[in-house]
Amino acid sequence: MRFVFKTRYDQDIALFKHPGQRFWYGLLLIALLLAPAAVSEYMLSQLVFICIYGIVGLGLMLLTGYTGQVSLGHAAFMAVGAYTHVVLISHGWPFLLAITAAALVAGAVGVVVGLPALRVRGIYLAIATMAFGFIVEEVTARWESVTGGNSGLQVHAPAIAGFKFESTAALYYLCLSFAVVTTLVVLNLLRAPTGRAFVAIRDSEISAQSMGINLARYKTIAFALSAFLTGIAGALYAHQIRFITPEQFTILQSIELLLMVVIGGLGSIHGAFFGAAFIISLPQVITWFKDFLPDAIANATGLRPVIFGAVMILVVLAEPYGIYGRWLKIRTYFQLFPFYRRGLFKRQKSFQKSDRLR
């Protein structure tokens, strides 16, 4: 068991709690940098998708995992970022300027969505964001002069300073760079007063408001930052698949993104990437598992949604903390063995009387 003795107040908000974290995260970064030389082309393309979905997970984690605001419209933010970026690239904008503008447009749309959503919460907020997703899907399908409608838009390889990221390895390094930078930005944001205000709102809006936290302001900031990160992921997603249509950003995609952060582990940065890895790898596992199923079941069109739903139910019932929560329990078990208690991670049901009566 590792004990960290704190001698300075700055250690409470340190990026790395102890030297061991620097070592393991450094080792992970080296492994990711060497991945193109060690894995196949197909596996490398899957790692690209994990980086992109990890960025989406970070944005959704800020909104849902840390601020407690449910969203069923994040595929729409991806669509806004993707279409804005592709249209600007087609008009001759440089890649970095275009992806920045796409993220800013998605963030501005997040503010527009967040302001009306301030008056609703829970299931009503989910319905409001879902309606926004339907609106964006319909707009992208009907605005054919800009988005190409259902015919879609062709996307070329990104280029920076004359270098084109045409190969899978080059695009992987580009997406990995964005994933690392956005992760560091989110980690530093959570250490700042803004991030602590997000967590306070998630835990109890009444308590947060009594401490002087402006709920409307910080909820709007959460929506804007979440949409900003999702817009970046949408732009990278467009370059990865090389062709975008409205059918790629439906409400089902939004539900899948929400499942991603819930299964990965709400309220943790690790959970965003664990969930992304799970979402990307599950279809491959289902494809492999079909060989052992009867033809009537293996060829059923709704097999994947059924398995997703079953996994979601199992996670909610058996492991509410998600994949990252299970990893924490396993690690703590070996650290404390033989003194580990079964109820160590049991969730407390303490809440304020004012919250209970709402």
Protein backbone atom coordinates (compact mmCIF):
# COMPACT_ATOMS: atom_id res chain seq x y z
CA MET A 1 0.00 0.00 0.00
CA ARG A 2 1.41 3.40 -1.01
CA PHE A 3 1.18 6.25 1.50
CA VAL A 4 1.71 9.80 0.21
CA PHE A 5 2.82 12.15 2.95
CA LYS A 6 1.86 15.69 2.01
CA THR A 7 4.08 18.54 3.19
CA ARG A 8 2.73 21.34 0.96
CA TYR A 9 -0.75 22.55 0.09
CA ASP A 10 0.18 22.40 -3.60
CA GLN A 11 0.28 18.61 -3.38
CA ASP A 12 -3.51 18.51 -3.12
CA ILE A 13 -3.81 19.74 -6.71
CA ALA A 14 -0.62 18.19 -8.11
CA LEU A 15 -0.91 16.63 -11.55
CA PHE A 16 0.99 13.54 -10.37
CA LYS A 17 0.40 12.38 -6.81
CA HIS A 18 3.67 10.42 -6.52
CA PRO A 19 6.70 9.48 -8.70
CA GLY A 20 5.14 6.11 -9.50
CA GLN A 21 2.47 7.81 -11.58
CA ARG A 22 5.11 9.64 -13.61
CA PHE A 23 6.82 6.34 -14.32
CA TRP A 24 3.72 4.41 -15.41
CA TYR A 25 2.21 7.22 -17.47
CA GLY A 26 5.59 7.82 -19.09
CA LEU A 27 5.82 4.11 -19.89
CA LEU A 28 2.31 4.20 -21.37
CA LEU A 29 3.22 7.19 -23.55
CA ILE A 30 6.33 5.42 -24.84
CA ALA A 31 4.25 2.32 -25.66
CA LEU A 32 1.74 4.45 -27.55
CA LEU A 33 4.50 6.18 -29.50
CA LEU A 34 5.98 2.81 -30.49
CA ALA A 35 2.59 1.28 -31.36
CA PRO A 36 2.85 1.79 -35.16
CA ALA A 37 5.96 -0.37 -35.23
CA ALA A 38 4.42 -3.14 -33.11
CA VAL A 39 0.80 -3.56 -34.27
CA SER A 40 -0.92 -4.21 -37.58
CA GLU A 41 -2.48 -1.57 -39.80
CA TYR A 42 -5.97 -2.59 -38.70
CA MET A 43 -5.13 -2.42 -34.99
CA LEU A 44 -3.55 0.99 -35.54
CA SER A 45 -6.76 2.26 -37.15
CA GLN A 46 -8.65 1.03 -34.09
CA LEU A 47 -6.25 2.97 -31.87
CA VAL A 48 -7.05 6.08 -33.94
CA PHE A 49 -10.74 5.58 -33.21
CA ILE A 50 -9.96 5.10 -29.50
CA CYS A 51 -8.09 8.42 -29.43
CA ILE A 52 -10.99 10.18 -31.17
CA TYR A 53 -13.68 8.62 -29.01
CA GLY A 54 -11.51 9.29 -25.96
CA ILE A 55 -11.66 13.02 -26.74
CA VAL A 56 -15.45 12.78 -27.04
CA GLY A 57 -15.46 10.89 -23.74
CA LEU A 58 -13.48 13.68 -22.08
CA GLY A 59 -16.02 16.24 -23.25
CA LEU A 60 -18.99 14.15 -22.17
CA MET A 61 -17.26 13.31 -18.90
CA LEU A 62 -16.91 17.02 -18.11
CA LEU A 63 -20.63 17.51 -18.65
CA THR A 64 -22.11 14.28 -17.28
CA GLY A 65 -19.43 12.78 -15.05
CA TYR A 66 -18.25 15.96 -13.33
CA THR A 67 -21.17 18.41 -13.67
CA GLY A 68 -24.01 15.90 -13.52
CA GLN A 69 -25.81 17.10 -16.66
CA VAL A 70 -27.14 14.29 -18.88
CA SER A 71 -26.78 14.73 -22.64
CA LEU A 72 -28.25 12.64 -25.44
CA GLY A 73 -27.13 15.01 -28.19
CA HIS A 74 -23.36 14.76 -28.32
CA ALA A 75 -23.38 13.13 -31.73
CA ALA A 76 -24.87 16.43 -32.93
CA PHE A 77 -21.88 18.33 -31.54
CA MET A 78 -19.64 15.89 -33.40
CA ALA A 79 -21.61 16.62 -36.56
CA VAL A 80 -21.26 20.38 -36.10
CA GLY A 81 -17.50 20.05 -35.63
CA ALA A 82 -17.10 17.61 -38.53
CA TYR A 83 -19.16 19.55 -41.09
CA THR A 84 -17.73 22.93 -40.10
CA HIS A 85 -14.20 21.61 -40.38
CA VAL A 86 -14.75 19.89 -43.73
CA VAL A 87 -16.46 22.94 -45.26
CA LEU A 88 -13.66 25.25 -44.10
CA ILE A 89 -10.99 22.86 -45.38
CA SER A 90 -12.73 22.76 -48.77
CA HIS A 91 -12.54 26.57 -48.89
CA GLY A 92 -8.78 26.50 -48.43
CA TRP A 93 -8.45 27.04 -44.67
CA PRO A 94 -5.34 25.55 -43.01
CA PHE A 95 -5.97 22.43 -40.95
CA LEU A 96 -5.15 23.91 -37.52
CA LEU A 97 -7.18 27.06 -38.17
CA ALA A 98 -10.12 25.04 -39.50
CA ILE A 99 -10.19 22.61 -36.56
CA THR A 100 -9.97 25.52 -34.11
CA ALA A 101 -12.87 27.28 -35.84
CA ALA A 102 -14.87 24.02 -35.89
CA ALA A 103 -14.33 23.57 -32.15
CA LEU A 104 -15.33 27.18 -31.47
CA VAL A 105 -18.50 26.82 -33.55
CA ALA A 106 -19.38 23.61 -31.69
CA GLY A 107 -18.69 25.39 -28.38
CA ALA A 108 -20.95 28.28 -29.40
CA VAL A 109 -23.70 25.81 -30.29
CA GLY A 110 -23.13 24.22 -26.88
CA VAL A 111 -23.81 27.59 -25.24
CA VAL A 112 -27.01 27.96 -27.28
CA VAL A 113 -28.15 24.51 -26.17
CA GLY A 114 -26.99 25.02 -22.59
CA LEU A 115 -28.86 28.26 -21.95
CA PRO A 116 -32.41 26.87 -22.43
CA ALA A 117 -31.36 23.67 -20.66
CA LEU A 118 -30.65 25.61 -17.46
CA ARG A 119 -34.32 25.45 -16.52
CA VAL A 120 -34.56 21.66 -16.79
CA ARG A 121 -32.68 18.75 -15.24
CA GLY A 122 -32.61 14.97 -15.22
CA ILE A 123 -34.80 13.23 -17.76
CA TYR A 124 -36.12 16.56 -19.10
CA LEU A 125 -32.58 17.71 -19.88
CA ALA A 126 -31.93 14.43 -21.68
CA ILE A 127 -35.07 14.94 -23.78
CA ALA A 128 -34.05 18.53 -24.60
CA THR A 129 -30.59 17.49 -25.80
CA MET A 130 -32.09 14.60 -27.73
CA ALA A 131 -34.40 17.03 -29.53
CA PHE A 132 -31.34 19.12 -30.41
CA GLY A 133 -29.75 16.01 -31.90
CA PHE A 134 -32.79 15.43 -34.11
CA ILE A 135 -32.67 19.06 -35.27
CA VAL A 136 -29.01 18.87 -36.26
CA GLU A 137 -29.55 15.56 -38.05
CA GLU A 138 -32.42 17.05 -40.04
CA VAL A 139 -30.48 20.23 -40.87
CA THR A 140 -27.45 18.31 -42.15
CA ALA A 141 -29.72 16.15 -44.29
CA ARG A 142 -31.69 19.07 -45.78
CA TRP A 143 -28.97 21.73 -46.20
CA GLU A 144 -27.59 20.07 -49.33
CA SER A 145 -25.77 23.15 -50.68
CA VAL A 146 -23.41 23.10 -47.68
CA THR A 147 -23.47 19.60 -46.17
CA GLY A 148 -24.14 17.61 -49.33
CA GLY A 149 -27.30 16.18 -47.76
CA ASN A 150 -27.63 12.43 -47.66
CA SER A 151 -25.05 12.19 -50.46
CA GLY A 152 -22.39 13.22 -47.94
CA LEU A 153 -19.05 14.99 -48.28
CA GLN A 154 -15.67 13.60 -49.26
CA VAL A 155 -12.88 14.39 -46.79
CA HIS A 156 -9.23 14.61 -47.76
CA ALA A 157 -6.23 13.79 -45.59
CA PRO A 158 -5.22 16.59 -43.19
CA ALA A 159 -2.11 18.62 -43.92
CA ILE A 160 0.04 20.81 -41.67
CA ALA A 161 2.84 22.97 -43.07
CA GLY A 162 2.81 21.03 -46.33
CA PHE A 163 2.98 17.58 -44.68
CA LYS A 164 -0.02 15.37 -45.46
CA PHE A 165 -1.15 12.82 -42.87
CA GLU A 166 -2.14 10.26 -45.48
CA SER A 167 -0.89 7.10 -43.82
CA THR A 168 -2.62 5.47 -40.86
CA ALA A 169 0.51 5.91 -38.72
CA ALA A 170 0.69 9.65 -39.44
CA LEU A 171 -2.99 10.15 -38.64
CA TYR A 172 -2.53 8.08 -35.48
CA TYR A 173 0.22 10.38 -34.22
CA LEU A 174 -1.94 13.41 -35.03
CA CYS A 175 -4.95 12.04 -33.10
CA LEU A 176 -2.72 10.88 -30.25
CA SER A 177 -1.28 14.39 -29.94
CA PHE A 178 -4.77 15.88 -29.70
CA ALA A 179 -5.80 13.22 -27.17
CA VAL A 180 -2.78 13.91 -24.92
CA VAL A 181 -3.20 17.69 -25.10
CA THR A 182 -6.95 17.60 -24.40
CA THR A 183 -6.38 15.20 -21.49
CA LEU A 184 -3.85 17.57 -19.92
CA VAL A 185 -6.21 20.51 -20.46
CA VAL A 186 -9.11 18.69 -18.77
CA LEU A 187 -6.90 17.54 -15.87
CA ASN A 188 -5.73 21.11 -15.25
CA LEU A 189 -9.28 22.40 -15.57
CA LEU A 190 -10.47 19.99 -12.89
CA ARG A 191 -7.72 21.21 -10.55
CA ALA A 192 -8.85 24.82 -11.08
CA PRO A 193 -11.79 26.54 -9.30
CA THR A 194 -13.95 25.96 -12.39
CA GLY A 195 -13.53 22.20 -12.19
CA ARG A 196 -14.23 22.18 -8.46
CA ALA A 197 -17.39 24.17 -9.12
CA PHE A 198 -18.46 21.51 -11.65
CA VAL A 199 -18.04 18.77 -9.03
CA ALA A 200 -19.91 20.81 -6.42
CA ILE A 201 -22.86 21.23 -8.81
CA ARG A 202 -22.87 17.51 -9.53
CA ASP A 203 -22.89 16.56 -5.85
CA SER A 204 -25.58 19.04 -4.77
CA GLU A 205 -26.87 22.06 -6.65
CA ILE A 206 -28.39 23.50 -3.49
CA SER A 207 -25.13 23.25 -1.55
CA ALA A 208 -23.16 24.68 -4.49
CA GLN A 209 -25.52 27.63 -4.80
CA SER A 210 -25.34 28.28 -1.06
CA MET A 211 -21.53 28.53 -1.38
CA GLY A 212 -21.88 31.27 -4.00
CA ILE A 213 -21.48 29.19 -7.16
CA ASN A 214 -23.41 30.64 -10.08
CA LEU A 215 -25.26 27.58 -11.40
CA ALA A 216 -26.28 29.14 -14.72
CA ARG A 217 -22.76 30.32 -15.46
CA TYR A 218 -20.97 27.07 -14.69
CA LYS A 219 -23.56 24.85 -16.36
CA THR A 220 -23.23 26.94 -19.52
CA ILE A 221 -19.42 26.73 -19.31
CA ALA A 222 -19.69 22.95 -18.92
CA PHE A 223 -21.87 22.68 -22.03
CA ALA A 224 -19.53 24.97 -24.01
CA LEU A 225 -16.34 23.12 -23.03
CA SER A 226 -17.94 19.73 -23.61
CA ALA A 227 -19.15 20.76 -27.07
CA PHE A 228 -15.74 22.34 -27.83
CA LEU A 229 -13.89 19.07 -27.18
CA THR A 230 -16.53 17.07 -29.04
CA GLY A 231 -16.16 19.40 -32.03
CA ILE A 232 -12.42 18.63 -32.14
CA ALA A 233 -13.19 14.92 -32.07
CA GLY A 234 -15.78 15.36 -34.85
CA ALA A 235 -13.20 17.02 -37.10
CA LEU A 236 -10.67 14.22 -36.51
CA TYR A 237 -13.42 11.64 -37.01
CA ALA A 238 -14.18 13.08 -40.44
CA HIS A 239 -10.55 12.66 -41.50
CA GLN A 240 -10.43 9.11 -40.18
CA ILE A 241 -13.49 7.84 -42.06
CA ARG A 242 -12.83 10.11 -45.10
CA PHE A 243 -16.56 10.47 -45.83
CA ILE A 244 -19.34 11.96 -43.69
CA THR A 245 -23.12 11.70 -43.95
CA PRO A 246 -25.97 12.60 -41.55
CA GLU A 247 -26.51 8.88 -40.84
CA GLN A 248 -23.22 8.81 -38.95
CA PHE A 249 -24.42 11.28 -36.30
CA THR A 250 -27.79 9.94 -35.22
CA ILE A 251 -29.43 9.68 -31.81
CA LEU A 252 -28.21 6.09 -31.59
CA GLN A 253 -24.66 7.40 -31.81
CA SER A 254 -25.41 9.80 -28.93
CA ILE A 255 -26.76 6.96 -26.81
CA GLU A 256 -23.65 4.93 -27.59
CA LEU A 257 -21.44 7.83 -26.47
CA LEU A 258 -23.33 8.09 -23.19
CA LEU A 259 -22.99 4.34 -22.69
CA MET A 260 -19.28 4.75 -23.33
CA VAL A 261 -18.66 7.05 -20.35
CA VAL A 262 -21.02 5.11 -18.06
CA ILE A 263 -19.34 1.79 -18.83
CA GLY A 264 -15.87 3.35 -18.66
CA GLY A 265 -16.56 4.92 -15.28
CA LEU A 266 -18.38 8.19 -14.61
CA GLY A 267 -16.34 10.87 -12.88
CA SER A 268 -12.89 9.70 -13.99
CA ILE A 269 -10.55 10.68 -16.81
CA HIS A 270 -9.45 7.07 -17.14
CA GLY A 271 -13.08 6.07 -17.64
CA ALA A 272 -13.31 8.14 -20.84
CA PHE A 273 -10.56 6.11 -22.50
CA PHE A 274 -11.58 2.78 -20.96
CA GLY A 275 -15.07 3.36 -22.34
CA ALA A 276 -13.68 4.35 -25.74
CA ALA A 277 -11.61 1.17 -25.89
CA PHE A 278 -14.66 -0.87 -24.91
CA ILE A 279 -16.94 0.74 -27.52
CA ILE A 280 -14.38 0.24 -30.29
CA SER A 281 -13.45 -3.35 -29.36
CA LEU A 282 -16.97 -4.66 -28.65
CA PRO A 283 -18.06 -4.93 -32.33
CA GLN A 284 -14.93 -7.01 -33.05
CA VAL A 285 -15.70 -9.26 -30.09
CA ILE A 286 -19.30 -9.65 -31.29
CA THR A 287 -18.08 -10.54 -34.80
CA TRP A 288 -15.76 -13.19 -33.37
CA PHE A 289 -18.47 -14.53 -31.04
CA LYS A 290 -20.98 -14.93 -33.90
CA ASP A 291 -19.12 -18.04 -35.08
CA PHE A 292 -20.23 -19.86 -31.93
CA LEU A 293 -23.89 -18.82 -32.13
CA PRO A 294 -26.76 -20.39 -34.09
CA ASP A 295 -27.36 -18.80 -37.49
CA ALA A 296 -30.77 -17.45 -36.46
CA ILE A 297 -29.17 -15.45 -33.64
CA ALA A 298 -25.88 -14.58 -35.35
CA ASN A 299 -27.64 -13.06 -38.39
CA ALA A 300 -30.20 -11.09 -36.38
CA THR A 301 -30.07 -7.38 -37.19
CA GLY A 302 -30.55 -6.26 -33.60
CA LEU A 303 -27.79 -8.37 -32.06
CA ARG A 304 -25.41 -5.50 -31.37
CA PRO A 305 -27.96 -3.21 -29.63
CA VAL A 306 -29.15 -6.14 -27.52
CA ILE A 307 -25.61 -6.90 -26.38
CA PHE A 308 -24.95 -3.22 -25.68
CA GLY A 309 -28.10 -3.04 -23.58
CA ALA A 310 -27.25 -6.22 -21.70
CA VAL A 311 -23.75 -4.95 -20.92
CA MET A 312 -25.21 -1.64 -19.73
CA ILE A 313 -27.62 -3.41 -17.36
CA LEU A 314 -24.83 -5.60 -15.99
CA VAL A 315 -22.59 -2.59 -15.40
CA VAL A 316 -25.30 -0.63 -13.59
CA LEU A 317 -26.22 -3.59 -11.39
CA ALA A 318 -22.81 -5.17 -10.75
CA GLU A 319 -20.32 -2.32 -11.12
CA PRO A 320 -21.79 1.22 -10.95
CA TYR A 321 -18.28 2.69 -11.07
CA GLY A 322 -17.63 1.12 -14.48
CA ILE A 323 -14.45 -0.44 -15.79
CA TYR A 324 -12.25 2.05 -13.97
CA GLY A 325 -14.07 1.33 -10.72
CA ARG A 326 -13.43 -2.38 -11.13
CA TRP A 327 -9.74 -1.69 -11.77
CA LEU A 328 -9.56 0.43 -8.60
CA LYS A 329 -11.06 -2.40 -6.56
CA ILE A 330 -8.65 -4.97 -7.98
CA ARG A 331 -5.66 -2.70 -7.37
CA THR A 332 -6.77 -1.86 -3.84
CA TYR A 333 -7.37 -5.53 -3.07
CA PHE A 334 -3.77 -6.44 -3.84
CA GLN A 335 -2.45 -3.35 -2.04
CA LEU A 336 -4.37 -4.10 1.17
CA PHE A 337 -4.27 -7.90 1.07
CA PRO A 338 -5.03 -9.61 3.45
CA PHE A 339 -6.77 -6.65 5.14
CA TYR A 340 -9.16 -5.75 2.31
CA ARG A 341 -12.85 -5.28 3.33
CA ARG A 342 -15.73 -6.05 0.98
CA GLY A 343 -17.62 -2.85 1.82
CA LEU A 344 -14.65 -0.55 1.25
CA PHE A 345 -16.10 0.98 -1.94
CA LYS A 346 -19.76 0.84 -0.91
CA ARG A 347 -21.58 3.97 -1.98
CA GLN A 348 -22.88 6.19 0.79
CA LYS A 349 -26.53 7.21 0.68
CA SER A 350 -26.10 10.38 2.69
CA PHE A 351 -27.73 13.45 1.21
CA GLN A 352 -29.28 16.63 2.42
CA LYS A 353 -32.85 16.69 3.60
CA SER A 354 -33.58 19.50 1.15
CA ASP A 355 -32.40 17.29 -1.73
CA ARG A 356 -34.38 14.31 -0.51
CA LEU A 357 -37.63 16.28 -0.52
CA ARG A 358 -37.29 17.68 -4.04
